[in-house]
Amino acid sequence: MSLLLQNESGQMRVNARCGRVGDREGILVVVAVLDPHHRLSETTRALAIARLSGRPLAYGGTVQCRRNRIRMLFVDAPAAQRTAPGTSTDFTELSPVR
């Protein structure tokens, strides 16, 4: 949010949704300028990708900058890769998240 406030004018909206597709669960976070005709500047897009990509990529997600919004998708591991609390997993044997 502060990234947009530094470089963009107008009011902002933040939405977060949780959901499931197949065996994948995740969270979609959208930060948008309320004016649908306002396009994000190239500076804001570059800063958003540079500063915000690390965590979504670590969770198998993405960062997208389009028109007046930044979308971040965080994907949880499939149920088969999750473990019960108090147990350990050898992460070298897990299949990569696609």
Protein backbone atom coordinates (compact mmCIF):
# COMPACT_ATOMS: atom_id res chain seq x y z
CA MET A 1 0.00 0.00 0.00
CA SER A 2 2.75 2.44 0.88
CA LEU A 3 4.35 1.72 -2.49
CA LEU A 4 1.27 3.07 -4.27
CA LEU A 5 0.88 6.00 -1.90
CA GLN A 6 4.45 7.13 -2.65
CA ASN A 7 4.03 7.27 -6.43
CA GLU A 8 0.32 7.40 -7.27
CA SER A 9 -2.46 9.86 -6.51
CA GLY A 10 -6.07 9.13 -5.62
CA GLN A 11 -7.80 6.70 -3.30
CA MET A 12 -6.74 3.05 -2.98
CA ARG A 13 -8.64 -0.16 -2.30
CA VAL A 14 -7.23 -3.40 -0.87
CA ASN A 15 -9.07 -6.70 -1.38
CA ALA A 16 -8.00 -10.13 -0.15
CA ARG A 17 -9.75 -13.39 -1.07
CA CYS A 18 -9.06 -16.95 -0.02
CA GLY A 19 -10.02 -19.81 -2.26
CA ARG A 20 -9.32 -23.21 -3.75
CA VAL A 21 -8.74 -24.51 -7.27
CA GLY A 22 -8.38 -28.28 -7.49
CA ASP A 23 -6.02 -29.38 -4.70
CA ARG A 24 -4.47 -25.90 -4.36
CA GLU A 25 -5.50 -23.26 -1.85
CA GLY A 26 -4.32 -19.70 -1.76
CA ILE A 27 -4.86 -16.02 -1.15
CA LEU A 28 -5.27 -13.32 -3.79
CA VAL A 29 -4.45 -9.77 -2.67
CA VAL A 30 -5.35 -6.87 -4.97
CA VAL A 31 -4.30 -3.27 -4.34
CA ALA A 32 -5.92 -0.86 -6.78
CA VAL A 33 -6.35 2.83 -7.47
CA LEU A 34 -10.10 3.48 -7.37
CA ASP A 35 -10.10 5.52 -10.59
CA PRO A 36 -10.38 2.83 -13.31
CA HIS A 37 -8.90 5.22 -15.92
CA HIS A 38 -5.73 5.86 -13.89
CA ARG A 39 -2.85 3.69 -15.11
CA LEU A 40 0.02 2.78 -12.78
CA SER A 41 3.24 4.55 -13.72
CA GLU A 42 6.24 2.58 -14.99
CA THR A 43 8.08 3.56 -11.78
CA THR A 44 5.34 2.04 -9.64
CA ARG A 45 5.25 -1.13 -11.74
CA ALA A 46 9.02 -1.60 -11.52
CA LEU A 47 9.06 -0.96 -7.76
CA ALA A 48 6.12 -3.32 -7.19
CA ILE A 49 7.78 -6.17 -9.04
CA ALA A 50 11.17 -5.56 -7.38
CA ARG A 51 9.83 -5.20 -3.83
CA LEU A 52 6.84 -7.55 -3.82
CA SER A 53 7.87 -10.57 -5.90
CA GLY A 54 9.94 -12.43 -3.29
CA ARG A 55 7.23 -13.68 -0.96
CA PRO A 56 4.65 -14.72 -3.60
CA LEU A 57 7.35 -16.57 -5.55
CA ALA A 58 8.41 -18.38 -2.35
CA TYR A 59 4.79 -19.56 -2.03
CA GLY A 60 4.42 -20.60 -5.67
CA GLY A 61 2.52 -17.43 -6.55
CA THR A 62 2.93 -14.41 -8.78
CA VAL A 63 2.85 -10.61 -8.85
CA GLN A 64 1.05 -8.88 -11.73
CA CYS A 65 0.79 -5.16 -12.46
CA ARG A 66 -2.00 -4.29 -14.87
CA ARG A 67 -3.86 -1.07 -15.55
CA ASN A 68 -4.74 0.43 -12.17
CA ARG A 69 -3.89 -2.53 -9.92
CA ILE A 70 -1.26 -4.81 -8.43
CA ARG A 71 -2.29 -8.44 -7.88
CA MET A 72 -0.38 -10.85 -5.64
CA LEU A 73 -1.19 -14.54 -5.50
CA PHE A 74 0.06 -16.72 -2.64
CA VAL A 75 -0.43 -20.47 -3.21
CA ASP A 76 -0.41 -22.97 -0.34
CA ALA A 77 1.27 -26.35 -0.75
CA PRO A 78 -1.01 -29.22 -1.88
CA ALA A 79 -2.54 -31.25 0.97
CA ALA A 80 -0.21 -34.17 0.20
CA GLN A 81 2.82 -31.95 0.98
CA ARG A 82 1.51 -30.59 4.30
CA THR A 83 2.43 -32.29 7.55
CA ALA A 84 0.79 -32.51 10.95
CA PRO A 85 2.03 -30.09 13.63
CA GLY A 86 5.04 -31.35 15.54
CA THR A 87 6.35 -33.53 12.72
CA SER A 88 9.26 -32.88 10.42
CA THR A 89 9.59 -33.33 6.70
CA ASP A 90 12.65 -33.92 4.58
CA PHE A 91 12.09 -31.13 2.06
CA THR A 92 14.58 -32.61 -0.39
CA GLU A 93 12.02 -35.30 -1.28
CA LEU A 94 9.12 -32.93 -2.10
CA SER A 95 8.14 -32.37 -5.68
CA PRO A 96 8.54 -28.80 -6.95
CA VAL A 97 5.50 -26.51 -6.86
CA ARG A 98 4.36 -25.62 -10.36
